[in-house]
Protein backbone atom coordinates (compact mmCIF):
# COMPACT_ATOMS: atom_id res chain seq x y z
CA MET A 1 -31.94 -59.54 18.82
CA THR A 2 -31.68 -57.65 22.06
CA PRO A 3 -32.76 -54.00 22.45
CA GLU A 4 -29.11 -53.12 22.83
CA GLN A 5 -28.44 -54.40 19.31
CA HIS A 6 -31.42 -52.52 17.77
CA PRO A 7 -31.97 -49.26 19.70
CA ALA A 8 -35.33 -47.56 19.24
CA HIS A 9 -33.65 -44.26 18.38
CA PRO A 10 -30.49 -44.75 16.31
CA PRO A 11 -27.82 -42.10 16.72
CA VAL A 12 -27.93 -39.13 14.42
CA VAL A 13 -25.19 -39.25 11.81
CA PRO A 14 -23.71 -35.78 11.13
CA ILE A 15 -23.97 -34.54 7.57
CA PRO A 16 -20.50 -34.42 6.05
CA GLN A 17 -19.22 -31.03 5.03
CA ASP A 18 -18.83 -30.08 1.41
CA PRO A 19 -15.30 -31.21 0.52
CA PHE A 20 -14.99 -28.34 -1.94
CA ILE A 21 -15.17 -25.69 0.81
CA PRO A 22 -11.59 -25.04 2.05
CA THR A 23 -12.57 -24.50 5.69
CA ARG A 24 -9.00 -24.63 6.99
CA ARG A 25 -7.72 -22.09 4.49
CA LEU A 26 -10.70 -19.87 5.17
CA GLN A 27 -10.09 -20.06 8.90
CA ARG A 28 -6.42 -19.20 8.43
CA LEU A 29 -7.43 -16.19 6.36
CA VAL A 30 -9.86 -15.07 9.08
CA ASN A 31 -7.13 -15.47 11.69
CA ILE A 32 -4.76 -13.30 9.65
CA PHE A 33 -7.34 -10.60 8.98
CA PRO A 34 -9.53 -10.22 12.09
CA GLY A 35 -12.32 -7.73 11.42
CA GLY A 36 -11.65 -4.97 13.94
CA GLN A 37 -7.89 -5.04 13.62
CA PHE A 38 -7.93 -5.07 9.84
CA LEU A 39 -10.42 -2.20 9.69
CA ARG A 40 -8.17 -0.16 11.98
CA TYR A 41 -5.26 -1.07 9.77
CA ILE A 42 -7.14 0.10 6.67
CA GLY A 43 -7.88 3.45 8.37
CA VAL A 44 -4.28 3.97 9.46
CA GLY A 45 -3.07 2.61 6.12
CA LEU A 46 -5.14 5.14 4.19
CA PHE A 47 -3.61 7.95 6.22
CA ASN A 48 -0.12 6.52 5.71
CA THR A 49 -0.74 6.16 1.98
CA VAL A 50 -1.84 9.78 1.61
CA PHE A 51 0.90 11.04 3.92
CA GLY A 52 3.58 8.94 2.22
CA TYR A 53 2.49 10.01 -1.23
CA CYS A 54 2.51 13.69 -0.23
CA THR A 55 6.07 13.47 1.09
CA PHE A 56 7.11 11.59 -2.06
CA ALA A 57 5.45 14.19 -4.30
CA ILE A 58 7.02 17.12 -2.40
CA THR A 59 10.46 15.48 -2.59
CA LEU A 60 10.01 14.76 -6.30
CA PHE A 61 8.91 18.37 -6.87
CA LEU A 62 12.02 19.72 -5.12
CA LEU A 63 14.33 17.34 -6.96
CA GLY A 64 12.71 18.38 -10.22
CA HIS A 65 14.30 21.82 -9.85
CA VAL A 66 17.78 20.26 -9.60
CA VAL A 67 17.74 17.14 -11.81
CA PRO A 68 16.95 17.43 -15.55
CA GLN A 69 13.58 16.05 -16.58
CA ARG A 70 15.13 13.46 -18.91
CA PHE A 71 16.32 11.62 -15.79
CA LEU A 72 12.83 11.43 -14.28
CA TYR A 73 12.89 7.61 -14.22
CA LEU A 74 15.86 7.90 -11.82
CA THR A 75 14.58 10.95 -9.95
CA VAL A 76 11.49 9.03 -8.80
CA ILE A 77 13.78 6.42 -7.20
CA ALA A 78 15.77 9.12 -5.40
CA ALA A 79 12.56 10.77 -4.17
CA SER A 80 11.32 7.43 -2.84
CA LEU A 81 14.60 6.67 -1.05
CA ILE A 82 14.70 10.11 0.58
CA SER A 83 11.08 10.14 1.77
CA THR A 84 10.78 6.48 2.81
CA PRO A 85 12.57 6.54 6.23
CA PHE A 86 10.36 9.36 7.49
CA ASN A 87 7.22 7.70 6.12
CA ILE A 88 8.09 4.35 7.73
CA THR A 89 8.61 6.00 11.12
CA VAL A 90 5.22 7.73 10.95
CA ALA A 91 3.58 4.47 9.84
CA TYR A 92 5.25 2.54 12.67
CA PHE A 93 3.78 4.72 15.40
CA GLY A 94 0.33 4.61 13.80
CA TYR A 95 0.34 0.82 13.63
CA LYS A 96 1.76 0.40 17.14
CA PHE A 97 -0.67 2.71 18.94
CA PHE A 98 -3.89 2.30 16.93
CA VAL A 99 -3.79 -1.09 15.17
CA PHE A 100 -1.74 -3.75 16.98
CA LYS A 101 -1.60 -1.88 20.32
CA THR A 102 1.61 -3.45 21.59
CA ARG A 103 3.53 -2.17 24.60
CA GLY A 104 7.22 -1.38 24.89
CA ASN A 105 9.88 -2.89 22.63
CA TYR A 106 10.01 0.33 20.60
CA LEU A 107 13.47 0.07 19.08
CA MET A 108 13.24 -3.59 18.04
CA GLU A 109 9.78 -3.14 16.53
CA TRP A 110 11.01 -0.04 14.68
CA PHE A 111 13.88 -2.03 13.14
CA LYS A 112 11.50 -4.85 12.22
CA CYS A 113 9.16 -2.31 10.62
CA PHE A 114 12.03 -1.14 8.41
CA GLY A 115 12.76 -4.77 7.57
CA VAL A 116 9.18 -5.45 6.47
CA TYR A 117 9.06 -2.38 4.27
CA GLY A 118 12.59 -2.98 3.03
CA LEU A 119 11.65 -6.47 1.84
CA GLY A 120 9.15 -5.01 -0.60
CA MET A 121 11.08 -1.83 -1.34
CA LEU A 122 13.47 -3.16 -3.98
CA PRO A 123 10.72 -4.61 -6.22
CA GLY A 124 8.75 -1.41 -5.63
CA LEU A 125 11.65 0.74 -6.84
CA PHE A 126 11.99 -1.28 -10.03
CA ALA A 127 8.23 -1.07 -10.57
CA LEU A 128 8.28 2.68 -9.89
CA SER A 129 10.93 3.30 -12.53
CA ALA A 130 9.30 0.95 -15.06
CA VAL A 131 5.81 2.42 -14.62
CA THR A 132 7.23 5.95 -14.91
CA ARG A 133 8.86 5.17 -18.25
CA LEU A 134 5.72 3.41 -19.49
CA LEU A 135 3.55 6.40 -18.56
CA GLN A 136 6.01 8.77 -20.20
CA ALA A 137 5.68 6.86 -23.45
CA THR A 138 1.88 6.76 -23.12
CA ILE A 139 1.62 10.49 -22.41
CA HIS A 140 3.86 11.23 -25.39
CA ALA A 141 1.72 9.03 -27.67
CA HIS A 142 -1.55 10.67 -26.59
CA GLY A 143 -0.21 14.18 -26.14
CA PRO A 144 -2.76 16.19 -28.21
CA ALA A 145 -5.81 14.55 -26.61
CA LEU A 146 -4.39 14.95 -23.09
CA HIS A 147 -3.57 18.62 -23.66
CA ALA A 148 -7.14 19.23 -24.82
CA ASP A 149 -8.53 17.61 -21.67
CA ILE A 150 -6.12 19.57 -19.48
CA ALA A 151 -7.13 22.82 -21.17
CA THR A 152 -10.80 22.05 -20.45
CA LEU A 153 -10.01 21.31 -16.79
CA ALA A 154 -7.83 24.42 -16.46
CA ALA A 155 -10.76 26.62 -17.54
CA HIS A 156 -12.52 25.70 -14.27
CA LEU A 157 -9.53 26.25 -11.96
CA HIS A 158 -7.75 29.28 -10.63
CA GLY A 159 -5.03 30.23 -8.16
CA PRO A 160 -2.75 27.53 -6.68
CA ALA A 161 -4.79 24.68 -8.19
CA LEU A 162 -4.35 26.09 -11.69
CA ALA A 163 -0.62 26.66 -11.11
CA ALA A 164 -0.18 23.08 -9.89
CA LEU A 165 -2.06 21.72 -12.92
CA ARG A 166 0.11 23.69 -15.31
CA LYS A 167 3.23 22.47 -13.53
CA LEU A 168 2.17 18.83 -13.70
CA SER A 169 1.00 19.03 -17.30
CA SER A 170 4.24 20.54 -18.59
CA GLY A 171 6.20 17.84 -20.40
CA LYS A 172 6.14 14.34 -18.95
CA ALA A 173 6.63 15.22 -15.28
CA ALA A 174 3.13 13.97 -14.43
CA ALA A 175 4.25 10.38 -15.11
CA GLY A 176 6.35 10.32 -11.93
CA TYR A 177 3.48 11.44 -9.71
CA ILE A 178 1.03 8.97 -11.24
CA ALA A 179 3.52 6.11 -10.95
CA GLY A 180 4.17 6.97 -7.31
CA ALA A 181 0.46 6.80 -6.49
CA PHE A 182 0.10 3.51 -8.40
CA VAL A 183 2.97 1.74 -6.63
CA GLN A 184 2.06 3.17 -3.21
CA GLY A 185 -1.39 1.63 -3.33
CA PHE A 186 -0.16 -1.96 -3.73
CA THR A 187 1.78 -2.20 -0.46
CA THR A 188 -1.12 -2.22 2.03
CA ILE A 189 -1.97 -5.94 2.19
CA PHE A 190 1.66 -7.06 2.01
CA SER A 191 2.75 -4.75 4.81
CA PHE A 192 -0.21 -5.72 7.01
CA VAL A 193 0.74 -9.42 6.93
CA GLY A 194 4.40 -8.55 7.50
CA HIS A 195 3.64 -6.29 10.47
CA LYS A 196 1.29 -8.82 12.03
CA LYS A 197 3.65 -11.76 11.61
CA VAL A 198 6.98 -10.01 12.18
CA THR A 199 6.95 -6.42 13.46
CA PHE A 200 4.23 -6.61 16.11
CA LYS A 201 4.10 -10.36 16.67
CA THR A 202 3.25 -11.12 20.28
CA LYS A 203 4.11 -14.26 22.18
CA PRO A 204 1.14 -16.46 23.16
CA ALA A 205 0.11 -16.22 26.78
């Protein structure tokens, strides 16, 4: 045997990776959610969630003076439809300037932003109405216990906070506000992927 056939130092064989670790899927997930960008999105998203819920709650409050309470499961849909265009516009500028930091193309990105939110809006409206009716039934079933808790909380409040609590606790109106907060919180991840892949997608250099 020649030295070429039996080298003194055989080549090092790399240790195979664990086949149960989905490296490609993990890498794709990292590419979709880069740390800095996603953290900025969470910050802007939190502001948009609070802002959007406030406009929804104000609209629902105003509609509550016009529409009878028995139609609350429909009033929440109207409040969402009225407040959504303004909320989407505010969210668009926040994402454009602070998260994805794209330049120009304002009108097209704005339309795409409406498209992304519109894609998830119809299921959200059905969920909003369904959750409202479910909460109405739950509040009705546990009415005495809830009124006792509200009375305890009211003893520690005064002024506008007490007036708001009494307004929300009268009848089943609180169900619409709780349902709005519940549905609003589930749109963050979906909208981030949609904005990254559609609204603010940039062409590779």
